[in-house]
């Protein structure tokens, strides 16, 4: 069985909290969630369980996410204290088989999209909140709400990806209205493009 993982995480800190987008590795993971095709269920990891989450990612044949190459993997690599260890871990994580939908869509469209801008016209529903709200929940100690939000993000990511696989297209919101992008995605894509800086809230 081809084992696909769908993955997303929420951070403890915003870019402003850590000195800007050049310090993604310092944002810290509050919650990470994987939906695993091997058992068809969500797996939740808290900040002290980052090593277990990384081990889980190593077990998949393909990890699907949205902005995971530039953002989520950098956050995970930040779990290491020494700069050299962070760099080594990031390179290891990137070497795994990833399918970053944001990266792939940008190759076609030439610009970035938010996940919600794809999910709502494609699925008729979208994310349950946003990254700023998640940060506030974390500060308020409502980790239960952060977990629910992260699970919803993973579910939406999976539904968008599966829609693209089954229908060969996605819909997205643009300034001139809803548009269609034709796609030919497969389950075992080539290695991802080099990482580039992207926003926490895509």
N, C-alpha and C. Protein backbone atom coordinates (compact mmCIF):
# COMPACT_ATOMS: atom_id res chain seq x y z
N UNK A 1 0.84 -1.21 0.00
CA UNK A 1 0.00 0.00 0.00
C UNK A 1 0.87 1.25 0.00
N UNK A 2 0.54 2.16 -0.90
CA UNK A 2 1.25 3.45 -0.94
C UNK A 2 0.76 4.29 0.23
N UNK A 3 1.70 4.69 1.09
CA UNK A 3 1.33 5.35 2.35
C UNK A 3 1.47 6.86 2.22
N UNK A 4 0.35 7.54 2.05
CA UNK A 4 0.33 9.00 1.96
C UNK A 4 0.02 9.59 3.32
N UNK A 5 0.80 10.61 3.69
CA UNK A 5 0.56 11.36 4.91
C UNK A 5 0.15 12.77 4.55
N UNK A 6 -0.85 13.30 5.24
CA UNK A 6 -1.23 14.70 5.09
C UNK A 6 -0.85 15.41 6.38
N UNK A 7 -0.13 16.52 6.26
CA UNK A 7 0.53 17.10 7.43
C UNK A 7 0.37 18.61 7.49
N UNK A 8 0.17 19.11 8.71
CA UNK A 8 0.18 20.55 8.96
C UNK A 8 0.56 20.76 10.42
N UNK A 9 1.02 21.96 10.74
CA UNK A 9 1.32 22.29 12.13
C UNK A 9 0.93 23.72 12.42
N UNK A 10 0.80 24.01 13.70
CA UNK A 10 0.56 25.36 14.19
C UNK A 10 1.73 25.75 15.10
N UNK A 11 2.07 27.03 15.12
CA UNK A 11 3.23 27.48 15.87
C UNK A 11 2.85 28.12 17.20
N UNK A 12 3.87 28.26 18.04
CA UNK A 12 3.69 28.93 19.34
C UNK A 12 3.81 30.44 19.19
N UNK A 13 4.61 30.88 18.21
CA UNK A 13 4.91 32.30 18.08
C UNK A 13 4.69 32.75 16.64
N UNK A 14 4.41 34.04 16.48
CA UNK A 14 4.28 34.64 15.16
C UNK A 14 5.63 35.09 14.65
N UNK A 15 5.67 35.52 13.40
CA UNK A 15 6.91 36.06 12.85
C UNK A 15 7.35 37.29 13.63
N UNK A 16 6.42 38.14 13.98
CA UNK A 16 6.75 39.35 14.75
C UNK A 16 7.34 38.99 16.12
N UNK A 17 6.85 37.92 16.71
CA UNK A 17 7.33 37.51 18.04
C UNK A 17 8.81 37.11 18.03
N UNK A 18 9.28 36.58 16.88
CA UNK A 18 10.65 36.04 16.83
C UNK A 18 11.60 36.90 16.01
N UNK A 19 11.13 38.08 15.57
CA UNK A 19 12.02 38.98 14.86
C UNK A 19 11.92 38.97 13.36
N UNK A 20 10.83 38.40 12.81
CA UNK A 20 10.62 38.45 11.37
C UNK A 20 10.66 37.08 10.71
N UNK A 21 10.35 37.09 9.41
CA UNK A 21 10.23 35.85 8.65
C UNK A 21 11.57 35.16 8.41
N UNK A 22 12.67 35.82 8.72
CA UNK A 22 13.97 35.18 8.62
C UNK A 22 14.26 34.25 9.78
N UNK A 23 13.31 34.15 10.72
CA UNK A 23 13.53 33.34 11.93
C UNK A 23 12.41 32.30 12.11
N UNK A 24 11.98 31.70 11.03
CA UNK A 24 10.91 30.70 11.10
C UNK A 24 11.26 29.57 12.07
N UNK A 25 12.54 29.19 12.10
CA UNK A 25 12.94 28.08 12.95
C UNK A 25 12.74 28.36 14.44
N UNK A 26 12.55 29.63 14.78
CA UNK A 26 12.36 30.00 16.19
C UNK A 26 10.90 30.07 16.60
N UNK A 27 9.97 29.80 15.67
CA UNK A 27 8.55 29.95 15.98
C UNK A 27 8.02 28.84 16.88
N UNK A 28 8.62 27.68 16.85
CA UNK A 28 8.22 26.59 17.73
C UNK A 28 6.90 25.96 17.36
N UNK A 29 6.83 24.65 17.41
CA UNK A 29 5.58 23.95 17.10
C UNK A 29 4.70 23.87 18.34
N UNK A 30 3.47 24.32 18.22
CA UNK A 30 2.48 24.14 19.28
C UNK A 30 1.78 22.80 19.12
N UNK A 31 1.35 22.51 17.88
CA UNK A 31 0.63 21.28 17.55
C UNK A 31 1.00 20.87 16.14
N UNK A 32 1.21 19.59 15.93
CA UNK A 32 1.37 19.03 14.60
C UNK A 32 0.38 17.90 14.41
N UNK A 33 -0.20 17.81 13.22
CA UNK A 33 -1.19 16.76 12.95
C UNK A 33 -0.86 16.06 11.63
N UNK A 34 -0.90 14.75 11.67
CA UNK A 34 -0.74 13.93 10.47
C UNK A 34 -1.99 13.08 10.30
N UNK A 35 -2.54 13.07 9.09
CA UNK A 35 -3.56 12.09 8.72
C UNK A 35 -2.84 11.03 7.92
N UNK A 36 -2.92 9.78 8.38
CA UNK A 36 -2.14 8.69 7.81
C UNK A 36 -3.05 7.74 7.05
N UNK A 37 -2.75 7.54 5.76
CA UNK A 37 -3.57 6.63 4.95
C UNK A 37 -3.47 5.19 5.43
N UNK A 38 -2.42 4.86 6.18
CA UNK A 38 -2.24 3.48 6.65
C UNK A 38 -3.35 3.06 7.61
N UNK A 39 -3.86 4.00 8.41
CA UNK A 39 -4.93 3.65 9.35
C UNK A 39 -6.15 4.56 9.23
N UNK A 40 -6.07 5.56 8.33
CA UNK A 40 -7.22 6.43 8.09
C UNK A 40 -7.63 7.28 9.27
N UNK A 41 -6.63 7.73 10.05
CA UNK A 41 -7.00 8.56 11.20
C UNK A 41 -5.96 9.65 11.44
N UNK A 42 -6.34 10.61 12.28
CA UNK A 42 -5.45 11.70 12.66
C UNK A 42 -4.51 11.26 13.78
N UNK A 43 -3.27 11.77 13.71
CA UNK A 43 -2.30 11.58 14.77
C UNK A 43 -1.85 12.97 15.23
N UNK A 44 -2.03 13.25 16.51
CA UNK A 44 -1.76 14.58 17.06
C UNK A 44 -0.46 14.55 17.86
N UNK A 45 0.38 15.55 17.62
CA UNK A 45 1.65 15.67 18.33
C UNK A 45 1.75 17.06 18.95
N UNK A 46 2.12 17.11 20.23
CA UNK A 46 2.33 18.37 20.92
C UNK A 46 3.81 18.75 20.85
N UNK A 47 4.14 19.93 21.37
CA UNK A 47 5.48 20.48 21.16
C UNK A 47 6.59 19.58 21.67
N UNK A 48 6.37 18.84 22.76
CA UNK A 48 7.41 17.96 23.28
C UNK A 48 7.51 16.65 22.50
N UNK A 49 6.61 16.47 21.53
CA UNK A 49 6.59 15.23 20.74
C UNK A 49 7.09 15.43 19.31
N UNK A 50 7.83 16.52 19.08
CA UNK A 50 8.37 16.77 17.74
C UNK A 50 9.20 15.59 17.22
N UNK A 51 10.09 14.99 18.03
CA UNK A 51 10.85 13.84 17.51
C UNK A 51 9.97 12.70 17.01
N UNK A 52 8.87 12.42 17.73
CA UNK A 52 7.95 11.36 17.30
C UNK A 52 7.25 11.74 16.00
N UNK A 53 6.89 13.02 15.85
CA UNK A 53 6.27 13.48 14.61
C UNK A 53 7.24 13.31 13.44
N UNK A 54 8.49 13.68 13.64
CA UNK A 54 9.50 13.54 12.58
C UNK A 54 9.67 12.07 12.21
N UNK A 55 9.69 11.19 13.19
CA UNK A 55 9.79 9.76 12.90
C UNK A 55 8.60 9.28 12.08
N UNK A 56 7.42 9.82 12.38
CA UNK A 56 6.22 9.46 11.62
C UNK A 56 6.36 9.91 10.16
N UNK A 57 6.85 11.11 9.94
CA UNK A 57 7.04 11.60 8.58
C UNK A 57 8.01 10.71 7.80
N UNK A 58 9.00 10.19 8.46
CA UNK A 58 9.98 9.32 7.80
C UNK A 58 9.34 8.02 7.29
N UNK A 59 8.22 7.64 7.89
CA UNK A 59 7.59 6.36 7.55
C UNK A 59 6.70 6.43 6.31
N UNK A 60 6.34 7.63 5.88
CA UNK A 60 5.44 7.76 4.75
C UNK A 60 6.13 7.62 3.40
N UNK A 61 5.37 7.22 2.39
CA UNK A 61 5.88 7.22 1.02
C UNK A 61 5.80 8.61 0.41
N UNK A 62 4.83 9.39 0.87
CA UNK A 62 4.63 10.75 0.36
C UNK A 62 3.95 11.57 1.44
N UNK A 63 4.45 12.78 1.68
CA UNK A 63 3.80 13.70 2.62
C UNK A 63 3.25 14.88 1.82
N UNK A 64 1.95 15.10 1.94
CA UNK A 64 1.28 16.18 1.23
C UNK A 64 0.97 17.30 2.21
N UNK A 65 1.23 18.52 1.80
CA UNK A 65 0.94 19.68 2.64
C UNK A 65 0.76 20.91 1.80
N UNK A 66 0.64 22.04 2.48
CA UNK A 66 0.46 23.32 1.80
C UNK A 66 1.41 24.31 2.47
N UNK A 67 2.48 24.66 1.77
CA UNK A 67 3.54 25.54 2.30
C UNK A 67 4.42 24.80 3.31
N UNK A 68 4.57 23.50 3.14
CA UNK A 68 5.33 22.72 4.10
C UNK A 68 6.84 22.82 3.87
N UNK A 69 7.27 22.98 2.62
CA UNK A 69 8.70 22.99 2.34
C UNK A 69 9.37 24.20 2.98
N UNK A 70 8.82 25.36 2.78
CA UNK A 70 9.44 26.58 3.28
C UNK A 70 9.07 26.88 4.73
N UNK A 71 7.91 26.42 5.15
CA UNK A 71 7.47 26.80 6.50
C UNK A 71 7.49 25.64 7.50
N UNK A 72 6.63 24.66 7.33
CA UNK A 72 6.47 23.62 8.34
C UNK A 72 7.77 22.88 8.64
N UNK A 73 8.52 22.55 7.61
CA UNK A 73 9.77 21.81 7.82
C UNK A 73 10.82 22.67 8.53
N UNK A 74 10.81 23.96 8.26
CA UNK A 74 11.70 24.87 8.98
C UNK A 74 11.35 24.92 10.46
N UNK A 75 10.05 24.95 10.77
CA UNK A 75 9.63 24.97 12.17
C UNK A 75 10.11 23.69 12.87
N UNK A 76 9.94 22.56 12.22
CA UNK A 76 10.38 21.30 12.82
C UNK A 76 11.89 21.28 13.02
N UNK A 77 12.62 21.77 12.04
CA UNK A 77 14.08 21.80 12.15
C UNK A 77 14.52 22.68 13.31
N UNK A 78 13.71 23.66 13.67
CA UNK A 78 14.02 24.56 14.77
C UNK A 78 13.98 23.89 16.13
N UNK A 79 13.53 22.63 16.17
CA UNK A 79 13.52 21.91 17.44
C UNK A 79 14.94 21.59 17.91
N UNK A 80 15.91 21.68 17.02
CA UNK A 80 17.31 21.49 17.39
C UNK A 80 17.88 22.80 17.90
N UNK A 81 18.77 22.72 18.86
CA UNK A 81 19.31 23.93 19.49
C UNK A 81 20.43 24.54 18.66
N UNK A 82 21.35 23.71 18.21
CA UNK A 82 22.51 24.23 17.47
C UNK A 82 22.15 24.50 16.01
N UNK A 83 22.68 25.60 15.49
CA UNK A 83 22.37 26.01 14.13
C UNK A 83 22.74 24.93 13.12
N UNK A 84 23.88 24.31 13.29
CA UNK A 84 24.31 23.27 12.36
C UNK A 84 23.36 22.08 12.38
N UNK A 85 22.89 21.72 13.57
CA UNK A 85 21.95 20.61 13.68
C UNK A 85 20.61 20.96 13.04
N UNK A 86 20.21 22.22 13.15
CA UNK A 86 18.98 22.66 12.49
C UNK A 86 19.08 22.51 10.99
N UNK A 87 20.19 22.95 10.44
CA UNK A 87 20.39 22.87 8.99
C UNK A 87 20.41 21.43 8.52
N UNK A 88 21.07 20.57 9.28
CA UNK A 88 21.14 19.16 8.90
C UNK A 88 19.77 18.50 8.94
N UNK A 89 18.99 18.81 9.97
CA UNK A 89 17.66 18.24 10.08
C UNK A 89 16.76 18.74 8.96
N UNK A 90 16.85 20.03 8.65
CA UNK A 90 16.02 20.56 7.56
C UNK A 90 16.34 19.86 6.25
N UNK A 91 17.62 19.68 5.95
CA UNK A 91 18.03 19.02 4.71
C UNK A 91 17.52 17.58 4.68
N UNK A 92 17.55 16.91 5.84
CA UNK A 92 17.02 15.55 5.89
C UNK A 92 15.51 15.55 5.62
N UNK A 93 14.79 16.46 6.26
CA UNK A 93 13.34 16.51 6.07
C UNK A 93 12.96 16.83 4.63
N UNK A 94 13.67 17.75 4.03
CA UNK A 94 13.39 18.13 2.64
C UNK A 94 13.66 16.96 1.69
N UNK A 95 14.62 16.10 2.06
CA UNK A 95 14.98 14.98 1.20
C UNK A 95 13.90 13.89 1.17
N UNK A 96 12.96 13.93 2.12
CA UNK A 96 11.84 13.00 2.08
C UNK A 96 10.94 13.35 0.91
N UNK A 97 10.06 12.44 0.56
CA UNK A 97 9.20 12.66 -0.61
C UNK A 97 8.00 13.52 -0.21
N UNK A 98 8.04 14.78 -0.62
CA UNK A 98 6.98 15.73 -0.29
C UNK A 98 6.23 16.17 -1.54
N UNK A 99 4.96 16.51 -1.35
CA UNK A 99 4.19 17.18 -2.39
C UNK A 99 3.57 18.41 -1.76
N UNK A 100 4.18 19.56 -2.05
CA UNK A 100 3.73 20.84 -1.49
C UNK A 100 2.82 21.49 -2.52
N UNK A 101 1.52 21.51 -2.26
CA UNK A 101 0.57 22.03 -3.24
C UNK A 101 0.80 23.50 -3.54
N UNK A 102 1.22 24.27 -2.57
CA UNK A 102 1.49 25.68 -2.82
C UNK A 102 2.61 25.84 -3.84
N UNK A 103 3.69 25.08 -3.66
CA UNK A 103 4.81 25.13 -4.60
C UNK A 103 4.37 24.70 -6.00
N UNK A 104 3.61 23.62 -6.08
CA UNK A 104 3.20 23.10 -7.38
C UNK A 104 2.24 24.06 -8.09
N UNK A 105 1.34 24.68 -7.36
CA UNK A 105 0.42 25.64 -7.98
C UNK A 105 1.15 26.89 -8.43
N UNK A 106 2.13 27.31 -7.66
CA UNK A 106 2.89 28.49 -8.06
C UNK A 106 3.66 28.26 -9.35
N UNK A 107 4.12 27.04 -9.57
CA UNK A 107 4.81 26.71 -10.82
C UNK A 107 3.91 26.95 -12.02
N UNK A 108 2.62 26.66 -11.84
CA UNK A 108 1.66 26.79 -12.95
C UNK A 108 1.14 28.21 -13.07
N UNK A 109 0.77 28.80 -11.95
CA UNK A 109 0.09 30.10 -11.97
C UNK A 109 1.05 31.29 -11.92
N UNK A 110 2.24 31.07 -11.41
CA UNK A 110 3.21 32.15 -11.29
C UNK A 110 3.03 33.01 -10.06
N UNK A 111 2.11 32.65 -9.20
CA UNK A 111 1.90 33.41 -7.96
C UNK A 111 1.35 32.47 -6.90
N UNK A 112 1.41 32.92 -5.65
CA UNK A 112 0.95 32.11 -4.53
C UNK A 112 -0.54 32.27 -4.32
N UNK A 113 -1.13 31.27 -3.70
CA UNK A 113 -2.53 31.30 -3.29
C UNK A 113 -2.63 30.87 -1.83
N UNK A 114 -3.64 31.35 -1.15
CA UNK A 114 -3.94 30.85 0.18
C UNK A 114 -4.77 29.58 0.05
N UNK A 115 -4.62 28.68 0.99
CA UNK A 115 -5.38 27.43 0.96
C UNK A 115 -6.88 27.71 0.94
N UNK A 116 -7.32 28.69 1.71
CA UNK A 116 -8.74 29.00 1.76
C UNK A 116 -9.27 29.49 0.42
N UNK A 117 -8.42 30.17 -0.36
CA UNK A 117 -8.83 30.68 -1.66
C UNK A 117 -9.04 29.56 -2.67
N UNK A 118 -8.52 28.38 -2.36
CA UNK A 118 -8.73 27.21 -3.21
C UNK A 118 -9.88 26.36 -2.65
N UNK A 119 -9.84 26.17 -1.34
CA UNK A 119 -10.81 25.26 -0.72
C UNK A 119 -12.25 25.72 -0.88
N UNK A 120 -12.50 27.01 -0.67
CA UNK A 120 -13.90 27.47 -0.68
C UNK A 120 -14.57 27.29 -2.04
N UNK A 121 -13.97 27.70 -3.15
CA UNK A 121 -14.64 27.47 -4.43
C UNK A 121 -14.59 26.01 -4.89
N UNK A 122 -13.61 25.25 -4.41
CA UNK A 122 -13.48 23.86 -4.84
C UNK A 122 -14.35 22.93 -4.02
N UNK A 123 -14.34 23.10 -2.71
CA UNK A 123 -15.04 22.19 -1.80
C UNK A 123 -16.34 22.75 -1.26
N UNK A 124 -16.56 24.05 -1.46
CA UNK A 124 -17.70 24.77 -0.88
C UNK A 124 -17.58 24.93 0.63
N UNK A 125 -16.38 24.75 1.15
CA UNK A 125 -16.10 25.08 2.55
C UNK A 125 -14.60 25.25 2.67
N UNK A 126 -14.16 25.88 3.77
CA UNK A 126 -12.74 26.16 3.91
C UNK A 126 -12.25 25.95 5.32
N UNK A 127 -11.21 26.71 5.68
CA UNK A 127 -10.62 26.62 7.01
C UNK A 127 -11.60 27.11 8.06
N UNK A 128 -11.45 26.61 9.29
CA UNK A 128 -12.37 26.97 10.37
C UNK A 128 -11.96 28.24 11.09
N UNK A 129 -10.70 28.67 10.92
CA UNK A 129 -10.21 29.89 11.57
C UNK A 129 -8.98 30.35 10.79
N UNK A 130 -8.06 31.06 11.45
CA UNK A 130 -6.83 31.46 10.78
C UNK A 130 -5.66 31.38 11.75
N UNK A 131 -4.45 31.60 11.22
CA UNK A 131 -3.26 31.45 12.04
C UNK A 131 -3.20 32.39 13.22
N UNK A 132 -3.70 33.59 13.06
CA UNK A 132 -3.70 34.55 14.17
C UNK A 132 -4.57 34.08 15.31
N UNK A 133 -5.72 33.51 14.97
CA UNK A 133 -6.61 32.99 16.00
C UNK A 133 -5.96 31.81 16.73
N UNK A 134 -5.26 30.96 15.96
CA UNK A 134 -4.58 29.83 16.57
C UNK A 134 -3.51 30.28 17.57
N UNK A 135 -2.77 31.32 17.21
CA UNK A 135 -1.75 31.85 18.11
C UNK A 135 -2.37 32.36 19.41
N UNK A 136 -3.52 33.01 19.28
CA UNK A 136 -4.19 33.52 20.48
C UNK A 136 -4.69 32.38 21.35
N UNK A 137 -5.23 31.34 20.72
CA UNK A 137 -5.67 30.17 21.50
C UNK A 137 -4.50 29.57 22.27
N UNK A 138 -3.34 29.49 21.61
CA UNK A 138 -2.17 28.93 22.28
C UNK A 138 -1.79 29.78 23.49
N UNK A 139 -1.78 31.10 23.31
CA UNK A 139 -1.43 31.98 24.41
C UNK A 139 -2.44 31.88 25.55
N UNK A 140 -3.69 31.59 25.21
CA UNK A 140 -4.75 31.46 26.22
C UNK A 140 -4.77 30.08 26.87
N UNK A 141 -3.88 29.19 26.43
CA UNK A 141 -3.86 27.84 26.97
C UNK A 141 -4.93 26.92 26.43
N UNK A 142 -5.58 27.31 25.32
CA UNK A 142 -6.64 26.49 24.73
C UNK A 142 -6.07 25.58 23.66
N UNK A 143 -5.20 24.67 24.08
CA UNK A 143 -4.54 23.78 23.13
C UNK A 143 -5.56 22.88 22.45
N UNK A 144 -6.70 22.63 23.10
CA UNK A 144 -7.75 21.82 22.49
C UNK A 144 -8.28 22.47 21.23
N UNK A 145 -8.42 23.79 21.26
CA UNK A 145 -8.91 24.51 20.08
C UNK A 145 -7.85 24.55 18.98
N UNK A 146 -6.59 24.65 19.38
CA UNK A 146 -5.50 24.62 18.39
C UNK A 146 -5.47 23.26 17.69
N UNK A 147 -5.66 22.19 18.45
CA UNK A 147 -5.68 20.85 17.88
C UNK A 147 -6.83 20.71 16.88
N UNK A 148 -8.01 21.15 17.28
CA UNK A 148 -9.17 21.06 16.38
C UNK A 148 -8.94 21.84 15.10
N UNK A 149 -8.37 23.03 15.23
CA UNK A 149 -8.09 23.87 14.07
C UNK A 149 -7.08 23.20 13.14
N UNK A 150 -6.03 22.63 13.72
CA UNK A 150 -5.00 21.98 12.91
C UNK A 150 -5.56 20.75 12.21
N UNK A 151 -6.39 19.99 12.90
CA UNK A 151 -7.05 18.84 12.27
C UNK A 151 -7.89 19.28 11.07
N UNK A 152 -8.60 20.38 11.23
CA UNK A 152 -9.43 20.89 10.14
C UNK A 152 -8.57 21.29 8.96
N UNK A 153 -7.44 21.93 9.22
CA UNK A 153 -6.53 22.30 8.14
C UNK A 153 -6.03 21.07 7.39
N UNK A 154 -5.68 20.03 8.13
CA UNK A 154 -5.21 18.80 7.50
C UNK A 154 -6.33 18.17 6.68
N UNK A 155 -7.54 18.18 7.21
CA UNK A 155 -8.68 17.62 6.48
C UNK A 155 -8.92 18.37 5.18
N UNK A 156 -8.87 19.70 5.24
CA UNK A 156 -9.07 20.51 4.04
C UNK A 156 -7.95 20.26 3.03
N UNK A 157 -6.72 20.19 3.52
CA UNK A 157 -5.59 19.89 2.63
C UNK A 157 -5.80 18.57 1.91
N UNK A 158 -6.21 17.57 2.65
CA UNK A 158 -6.45 16.25 2.05
C UNK A 158 -7.58 16.32 1.02
N UNK A 159 -8.66 16.98 1.36
CA UNK A 159 -9.80 17.05 0.45
C UNK A 159 -9.46 17.79 -0.84
N UNK A 160 -8.69 18.86 -0.73
CA UNK A 160 -8.26 19.61 -1.91
C UNK A 160 -7.38 18.74 -2.79
N UNK A 161 -6.41 18.07 -2.18
CA UNK A 161 -5.50 17.22 -2.94
C UNK A 161 -6.25 16.07 -3.63
N UNK A 162 -7.14 15.43 -2.91
CA UNK A 162 -7.90 14.33 -3.49
C UNK A 162 -8.82 14.81 -4.60
N UNK A 163 -9.38 16.00 -4.46
CA UNK A 163 -10.22 16.55 -5.53
C UNK A 163 -9.38 16.74 -6.79
N UNK A 164 -8.17 17.27 -6.62
CA UNK A 164 -7.30 17.47 -7.78
C UNK A 164 -6.93 16.15 -8.44
N UNK A 165 -6.64 15.13 -7.64
CA UNK A 165 -6.29 13.82 -8.19
C UNK A 165 -7.47 13.22 -8.95
N UNK A 166 -8.67 13.37 -8.41
CA UNK A 166 -9.85 12.73 -9.00
C UNK A 166 -10.42 13.50 -10.18
N UNK A 167 -10.21 14.83 -10.20
CA UNK A 167 -10.86 15.65 -11.22
C UNK A 167 -9.91 16.36 -12.17
N UNK A 168 -8.61 16.34 -11.86
CA UNK A 168 -7.63 16.96 -12.75
C UNK A 168 -7.73 18.48 -12.80
N UNK A 169 -8.28 19.08 -11.76
CA UNK A 169 -8.40 20.54 -11.73
C UNK A 169 -8.73 21.00 -10.32
N UNK A 170 -8.54 22.28 -10.09
CA UNK A 170 -8.99 22.95 -8.88
C UNK A 170 -9.57 24.29 -9.26
N UNK A 171 -10.42 24.82 -8.40
CA UNK A 171 -10.94 26.18 -8.58
C UNK A 171 -10.27 27.07 -7.55
N UNK A 172 -10.10 28.33 -7.91
CA UNK A 172 -9.49 29.26 -6.96
C UNK A 172 -10.05 30.67 -7.15
N UNK A 173 -10.04 31.41 -6.06
CA UNK A 173 -10.54 32.78 -6.08
C UNK A 173 -9.44 33.73 -6.55
N UNK A 174 -9.80 34.62 -7.48
CA UNK A 174 -8.88 35.65 -7.95
C UNK A 174 -9.57 37.00 -7.89
N UNK A 175 -8.84 38.04 -8.19
CA UNK A 175 -9.44 39.37 -8.16
C UNK A 175 -10.53 39.54 -9.20
N UNK A 176 -10.48 38.73 -10.23
CA UNK A 176 -11.49 38.83 -11.29
C UNK A 176 -12.55 37.73 -11.19
N UNK A 177 -12.58 37.05 -10.05
CA UNK A 177 -13.58 36.01 -9.86
C UNK A 177 -12.95 34.62 -9.74
N UNK A 178 -13.79 33.60 -9.70
CA UNK A 178 -13.33 32.22 -9.56
C UNK A 178 -12.77 31.72 -10.89
N UNK A 179 -11.60 31.13 -10.84
CA UNK A 179 -10.96 30.58 -12.03
C UNK A 179 -10.66 29.10 -11.82
N UNK A 180 -10.31 28.43 -12.91
CA UNK A 180 -10.00 27.00 -12.88
C UNK A 180 -8.55 26.80 -13.29
N UNK A 181 -7.86 25.91 -12.61
CA UNK A 181 -6.51 25.52 -13.01
C UNK A 181 -6.53 24.02 -13.28
N UNK A 182 -6.11 23.64 -14.48
CA UNK A 182 -6.04 22.23 -14.85
C UNK A 182 -4.74 21.63 -14.31
N UNK A 183 -4.83 20.42 -13.80
CA UNK A 183 -3.69 19.80 -13.13
C UNK A 183 -3.52 18.36 -13.59
N UNK A 184 -2.29 17.89 -13.51
CA UNK A 184 -2.00 16.49 -13.77
C UNK A 184 -1.06 15.99 -12.69
N UNK A 185 -1.57 15.94 -11.47
CA UNK A 185 -0.76 15.54 -10.33
C UNK A 185 -0.80 14.03 -10.18
N UNK A 186 0.32 13.46 -9.75
CA UNK A 186 0.35 12.03 -9.46
C UNK A 186 0.76 11.84 -8.01
N UNK A 187 0.76 10.59 -7.56
CA UNK A 187 1.01 10.31 -6.15
C UNK A 187 2.49 10.19 -5.80
N UNK A 188 3.35 10.25 -6.79
CA UNK A 188 4.77 10.09 -6.50
C UNK A 188 5.57 11.09 -7.32
N UNK A 189 5.48 12.39 -6.97
CA UNK A 189 6.10 13.45 -7.77
C UNK A 189 7.60 13.49 -7.61
N UNK A 190 8.28 14.23 -8.50
CA UNK A 190 9.72 14.40 -8.35
C UNK A 190 10.04 15.19 -7.10
N UNK A 191 11.34 15.26 -6.77
CA UNK A 191 11.78 15.99 -5.59
C UNK A 191 11.33 17.44 -5.67
N UNK A 192 10.99 18.06 -4.53
CA UNK A 192 10.47 19.43 -4.52
C UNK A 192 11.51 20.45 -4.95
N UNK A 193 11.02 21.60 -5.39
CA UNK A 193 11.91 22.70 -5.76
C UNK A 193 12.57 23.26 -4.51
N UNK A 194 13.68 23.98 -4.65
CA UNK A 194 14.34 24.60 -3.49
C UNK A 194 13.37 25.48 -2.71
N UNK A 195 13.58 25.54 -1.42
CA UNK A 195 12.68 26.28 -0.54
C UNK A 195 12.77 27.77 -0.80
N UNK A 196 11.66 28.46 -0.59
CA UNK A 196 11.62 29.91 -0.65
C UNK A 196 10.74 30.42 0.48
N UNK A 197 10.91 31.67 0.83
CA UNK A 197 10.19 32.24 1.97
C UNK A 197 8.71 32.37 1.67
N UNK A 198 7.87 31.90 2.59
CA UNK A 198 6.44 32.01 2.41
C UNK A 198 5.79 32.35 3.74
N UNK A 199 4.56 32.81 3.69
CA UNK A 199 3.88 33.31 4.87
C UNK A 199 3.34 32.22 5.77
N UNK A 200 3.30 32.50 7.06
CA UNK A 200 2.73 31.59 8.04
C UNK A 200 1.26 31.33 7.78
N UNK A 201 0.55 32.29 7.22
CA UNK A 201 -0.90 32.19 7.19
C UNK A 201 -1.46 31.78 5.85
N UNK A 202 -0.65 31.19 4.96
CA UNK A 202 -1.16 30.65 3.72
C UNK A 202 -1.91 29.36 4.01
